[in-house]
């Protein structure tokens, strides 16, 4: 009877051991699955960050190109203005007060256009918001030019 009890106890222990081994194998399999999933998620995150960085570089280059074109247009406008001013014959020149006023208005229009374009370009980059100091300063300059008669 003692041997029978011992063999029954031994059999129960073997069954518990096998059950624990199955659970351990299952846990190890789940651990590997989650480890693989985590690794995959990290790789995807790295790819997303790299793509975002590349896109930001591309946008920055595009904005720099736009700035350069705007600068060249502005310089071209100034060159045209200078050549127009020098091409006016002295006899055909309007009275000095009217000419000064017109020149000031033209300067204001050029500056206004440049400031508006600069503000819009900065806002389009997504780096600046309407509350940033640079944009607020541009807005105040734009208002000053618009209010100046």
C-alpha atoms as a PDB file:
ATOM      1  CA  UNK A   1       0.000   0.000   0.000  1.00  0.00           C
ATOM      2  CA  UNK A   2       2.896   2.356   0.752  1.00  0.00           C
ATOM      3  CA  UNK A   3       4.486   1.598  -2.612  1.00  0.00           C
ATOM      4  CA  UNK A   4       1.165   2.227  -4.325  1.00  0.00           C
ATOM      5  CA  UNK A   5       0.767   5.564  -2.544  1.00  0.00           C
ATOM      6  CA  UNK A   6       4.335   6.512  -3.382  1.00  0.00           C
ATOM      7  CA  UNK A   7       3.914   5.579  -7.031  1.00  0.00           C
ATOM      8  CA  UNK A   8       0.660   7.540  -7.197  1.00  0.00           C
ATOM      9  CA  UNK A   9       2.377  10.529  -5.578  1.00  0.00           C
ATOM     10  CA  UNK A  10       5.305  10.125  -7.953  1.00  0.00           C
ATOM     11  CA  UNK A  11       2.919  10.006 -10.921  1.00  0.00           C
ATOM     12  CA  UNK A  12       1.159  13.173  -9.722  1.00  0.00           C
ATOM     13  CA  UNK A  13       4.522  14.922  -9.388  1.00  0.00           C
ATOM     14  CA  UNK A  14       5.530  13.831 -12.917  1.00  0.00           C
ATOM     15  CA  UNK A  15       2.261  15.164 -14.296  1.00  0.00           C
ATOM     16  CA  UNK A  16       2.738  18.466 -12.477  1.00  0.00           C
ATOM     17  CA  UNK A  17       6.313  18.602 -13.769  1.00  0.00           C
ATOM     18  CA  UNK A  18       5.145  18.036 -17.355  1.00  0.00           C
ATOM     19  CA  UNK A  19       2.429  20.679 -16.943  1.00  0.00           C
ATOM     20  CA  UNK A  20       4.974  23.173 -15.603  1.00  0.00           C
ATOM     21  CA  UNK A  21       7.340  22.371 -18.498  1.00  0.00           C
ATOM     22  CA  UNK A  22       4.492  22.984 -20.992  1.00  0.00           C
ATOM     23  CA  UNK A  23       3.682  26.288 -19.290  1.00  0.00           C
ATOM     24  CA  UNK A  24       7.371  27.283 -19.306  1.00  0.00           C
ATOM     25  CA  UNK A  25       7.629  26.441 -23.029  1.00  0.00           C
ATOM     26  CA  UNK A  26       4.446  28.413 -23.714  1.00  0.00           C
ATOM     27  CA  UNK A  27       5.769  31.404 -21.756  1.00  0.00           C
ATOM     28  CA  UNK A  28       9.092  31.227 -23.603  1.00  0.00           C
ATOM     29  CA  UNK A  29       7.249  31.166 -26.924  1.00  0.00           C
ATOM     30  CA  UNK A  30       5.105  34.167 -25.888  1.00  0.00           C
ATOM     31  CA  UNK A  31       8.227  35.987 -24.672  1.00  0.00           C
ATOM     32  CA  UNK A  32       9.926  35.454 -28.035  1.00  0.00           C
ATOM     33  CA  UNK A  33       6.782  36.576 -29.880  1.00  0.00           C
ATOM     34  CA  UNK A  34       6.573  39.853 -27.912  1.00  0.00           C
ATOM     35  CA  UNK A  35      10.318  40.374 -28.225  1.00  0.00           C
ATOM     36  CA  UNK A  36      10.022  39.997 -32.009  1.00  0.00           C
ATOM     37  CA  UNK A  37       7.003  42.326 -32.078  1.00  0.00           C
ATOM     38  CA  UNK A  38       8.865  44.934 -30.027  1.00  0.00           C
ATOM     39  CA  UNK A  39      11.901  44.721 -32.319  1.00  0.00           C
ATOM     40  CA  UNK A  40       9.670  45.111 -35.364  1.00  0.00           C
ATOM     41  CA  UNK A  41       7.910  48.142 -33.804  1.00  0.00           C
ATOM     42  CA  UNK A  42      11.264  49.778 -32.995  1.00  0.00           C
ATOM     43  CA  UNK A  43      12.490  49.235 -36.550  1.00  0.00           C
ATOM     44  CA  UNK A  44       9.287  50.784 -37.904  1.00  0.00           C
ATOM     45  CA  UNK A  45       9.709  53.738 -35.552  1.00  0.00           C
ATOM     46  CA  UNK A  46      13.269  54.250 -36.767  1.00  0.00           C
ATOM     47  CA  UNK A  47      12.055  54.140 -40.382  1.00  0.00           C
ATOM     48  CA  UNK A  48       9.281  56.639 -39.673  1.00  0.00           C
ATOM     49  CA  UNK A  49      11.721  58.990 -37.949  1.00  0.00           C
ATOM     50  CA  UNK A  50      14.199  58.719 -40.816  1.00  0.00           C
ATOM     51  CA  UNK A  51      11.456  59.438 -43.360  1.00  0.00           C
ATOM     52  CA  UNK A  52      10.265  62.419 -41.310  1.00  0.00           C
ATOM     53  CA  UNK A  53      13.826  63.716 -41.096  1.00  0.00           C
ATOM     54  CA  UNK A  54      14.307  63.308 -44.849  1.00  0.00           C
ATOM     55  CA  UNK A  55      10.999  65.076 -45.501  1.00  0.00           C
ATOM     56  CA  UNK A  56      12.006  67.923 -43.190  1.00  0.00           C
ATOM     57  CA  UNK A  57      15.327  68.255 -45.034  1.00  0.00           C
ATOM     58  CA  UNK A  58      13.505  68.245 -48.363  1.00  0.00           C
ATOM     59  CA  UNK A  59      11.086  70.942 -47.166  1.00  0.00           C
ATOM     60  CA  UNK A  60      13.962  73.002 -45.786  1.00  0.00           C
ATOM     61  CA  UNK A  61      15.784  72.825 -49.103  1.00  0.00           C
ATOM     62  CA  UNK A  62      12.570  73.737 -50.908  1.00  0.00           C
ATOM     63  CA  UNK A  63      12.019  76.711 -48.593  1.00  0.00           C
ATOM     64  CA  UNK A  64      15.633  77.805 -49.047  1.00  0.00           C
ATOM     65  CA  UNK A  65      15.139  77.648 -52.797  1.00  0.00           C
ATOM     66  CA  UNK A  66      11.953  79.702 -52.486  1.00  0.00           C
ATOM     67  CA  UNK A  67      13.777  82.234 -50.311  1.00  0.00           C
ATOM     68  CA  UNK A  68      16.574  82.494 -52.839  1.00  0.00           C
ATOM     69  CA  UNK A  69      14.081  83.011 -55.683  1.00  0.00           C
ATOM     70  CA  UNK A  70      12.246  85.637 -53.638  1.00  0.00           C
ATOM     71  CA  UNK A  71      15.529  87.370 -52.865  1.00  0.00           C
ATOM     72  CA  UNK A  72      16.499  87.348 -56.526  1.00  0.00           C
ATOM     73  CA  UNK A  73      13.066  88.699 -57.518  1.00  0.00           C
ATOM     74  CA  UNK A  74      13.396  91.422 -54.904  1.00  0.00           C
ATOM     75  CA  UNK A  75      16.853  92.325 -56.163  1.00  0.00           C
ATOM     76  CA  UNK A  76      15.488  92.286 -59.709  1.00  0.00           C
ATOM     77  CA  UNK A  77      12.691  94.667 -58.700  1.00  0.00           C
ATOM     78  CA  UNK A  78      15.209  97.012 -57.135  1.00  0.00           C
ATOM     79  CA  UNK A  79      17.391  96.840 -60.244  1.00  0.00           C
ATOM     80  CA  UNK A  80      14.365  97.615 -62.420  1.00  0.00           C
ATOM     81  CA  UNK A  81      13.417 100.502 -60.129  1.00  0.00           C
ATOM     82  CA  UNK A  82      16.935 101.928 -60.301  1.00  0.00           C
ATOM     83  CA  UNK A  83      17.059 101.584 -64.080  1.00  0.00           C
ATOM     84  CA  UNK A  84      13.613 103.218 -64.405  1.00  0.00           C
ATOM     85  CA  UNK A  85      14.662 106.066 -62.115  1.00  0.00           C
ATOM     86  CA  UNK A  86      17.802 106.707 -64.136  1.00  0.00           C
ATOM     87  CA  UNK A  87      16.026 106.418 -67.477  1.00  0.00           C
ATOM     88  CA  UNK A  88      13.637 109.309 -66.727  1.00  0.00           C
ATOM     89  CA  UNK A  89      14.748 112.390 -68.579  1.00  0.00           C
ATOM     90  CA  UNK A  90      15.267 115.458 -66.364  1.00  0.00           C
ATOM     91  CA  UNK A  91      12.822 117.525 -68.416  1.00  0.00           C
ATOM     92  CA  UNK A  92      10.090 114.882 -68.042  1.00  0.00           C
ATOM     93  CA  UNK A  93      10.632 114.478 -64.298  1.00  0.00           C
ATOM     94  CA  UNK A  94       7.592 115.338 -62.192  1.00  0.00           C
ATOM     95  CA  UNK A  95       7.837 117.886 -59.425  1.00  0.00           C
ATOM     96  CA  UNK A  96      10.196 116.683 -56.668  1.00  0.00           C
ATOM     97  CA  UNK A  97       7.520 116.365 -53.956  1.00  0.00           C
ATOM     98  CA  UNK A  98       5.252 114.180 -56.122  1.00  0.00           C
ATOM     99  CA  UNK A  99       8.205 112.095 -57.303  1.00  0.00           C
ATOM    100  CA  UNK A 100       9.373 111.553 -53.733  1.00  0.00           C
ATOM    101  CA  UNK A 101       5.876 110.569 -52.652  1.00  0.00           C
ATOM    102  CA  UNK A 102       5.522 108.138 -55.572  1.00  0.00           C
ATOM    103  CA  UNK A 103       8.954 106.661 -54.869  1.00  0.00           C
ATOM    104  CA  UNK A 104       8.063 106.237 -51.202  1.00  0.00           C
ATOM    105  CA  UNK A 105       4.810 104.529 -52.181  1.00  0.00           C
ATOM    106  CA  UNK A 106       6.670 102.212 -54.559  1.00  0.00           C
ATOM    107  CA  UNK A 107       9.206 101.416 -51.837  1.00  0.00           C
ATOM    108  CA  UNK A 108       6.377 100.687 -49.418  1.00  0.00           C
ATOM    109  CA  UNK A 109       4.669  98.425 -51.963  1.00  0.00           C
ATOM    110  CA  UNK A 110       7.895  96.508 -52.573  1.00  0.00           C
ATOM    111  CA  UNK A 111       8.555  96.205 -48.842  1.00  0.00           C
ATOM    112  CA  UNK A 112       4.965  95.196 -48.173  1.00  0.00           C
ATOM    113  CA  UNK A 113       5.125  92.471 -50.811  1.00  0.00           C
ATOM    114  CA  UNK A 114       8.453  91.234 -49.492  1.00  0.00           C
ATOM    115  CA  UNK A 115       7.215  91.178 -45.881  1.00  0.00           C
ATOM    116  CA  UNK A 116       3.968  89.399 -46.812  1.00  0.00           C
ATOM    117  CA  UNK A 117       5.849  86.806 -48.831  1.00  0.00           C
ATOM    118  CA  UNK A 118       8.401  86.275 -46.072  1.00  0.00           C
ATOM    119  CA  UNK A 119       5.684  85.860 -43.426  1.00  0.00           C
ATOM    120  CA  UNK A 120       3.720  83.373 -45.529  1.00  0.00           C
ATOM    121  CA  UNK A 121       6.826  81.386 -46.344  1.00  0.00           C
ATOM    122  CA  UNK A 122       7.812  81.148 -42.674  1.00  0.00           C
ATOM    123  CA  UNK A 123       4.323  80.035 -41.708  1.00  0.00           C
ATOM    124  CA  UNK A 124       4.288  77.405 -44.482  1.00  0.00           C
ATOM    125  CA  UNK A 125       7.449  75.808 -43.104  1.00  0.00           C
ATOM    126  CA  UNK A 126       5.483  74.766 -40.039  1.00  0.00           C
ATOM    127  CA  UNK A 127       8.371  75.865 -37.830  1.00  0.00           C
ATOM    128  CA  UNK A 128       6.704  79.149 -36.917  1.00  0.00           C
ATOM    129  CA  UNK A 129       3.204  79.920 -35.683  1.00  0.00           C
ATOM    130  CA  UNK A 130       1.283  83.193 -35.708  1.00  0.00           C
ATOM    131  CA  UNK A 131       2.295  83.760 -32.079  1.00  0.00           C
ATOM    132  CA  UNK A 132       6.077  83.503 -32.661  1.00  0.00           C
ATOM    133  CA  UNK A 133       8.042  86.715 -32.164  1.00  0.00           C
ATOM    134  CA  UNK A 134       9.322  86.749 -35.749  1.00  0.00           C
ATOM    135  CA  UNK A 135       5.799  86.523 -37.179  1.00  0.00           C
ATOM    136  CA  UNK A 136       4.442  89.103 -34.713  1.00  0.00           C
ATOM    137  CA  UNK A 137       7.250  91.488 -35.718  1.00  0.00           C
ATOM    138  CA  UNK A 138       6.513  90.944 -39.419  1.00  0.00           C
ATOM    139  CA  UNK A 139       2.813  91.573 -38.773  1.00  0.00           C
ATOM    140  CA  UNK A 140       3.584  94.849 -37.023  1.00  0.00           C
ATOM    141  CA  UNK A 141       5.816  95.968 -39.908  1.00  0.00           C
ATOM    142  CA  UNK A 142       3.102  95.019 -42.396  1.00  0.00           C
ATOM    143  CA  UNK A 143       0.501  96.989 -40.428  1.00  0.00           C
ATOM    144  CA  UNK A 144       2.820  99.991 -40.232  1.00  0.00           C
ATOM    145  CA  UNK A 145       3.284 100.000 -43.999  1.00  0.00           C
ATOM    146  CA  UNK A 146      -0.428  99.518 -44.649  1.00  0.00           C
ATOM    147  CA  UNK A 147      -1.367 102.355 -42.291  1.00  0.00           C
ATOM    148  CA  UNK A 148       1.283 104.721 -43.682  1.00  0.00           C
ATOM    149  CA  UNK A 149      -0.469 107.012 -46.230  1.00  0.00           C
END
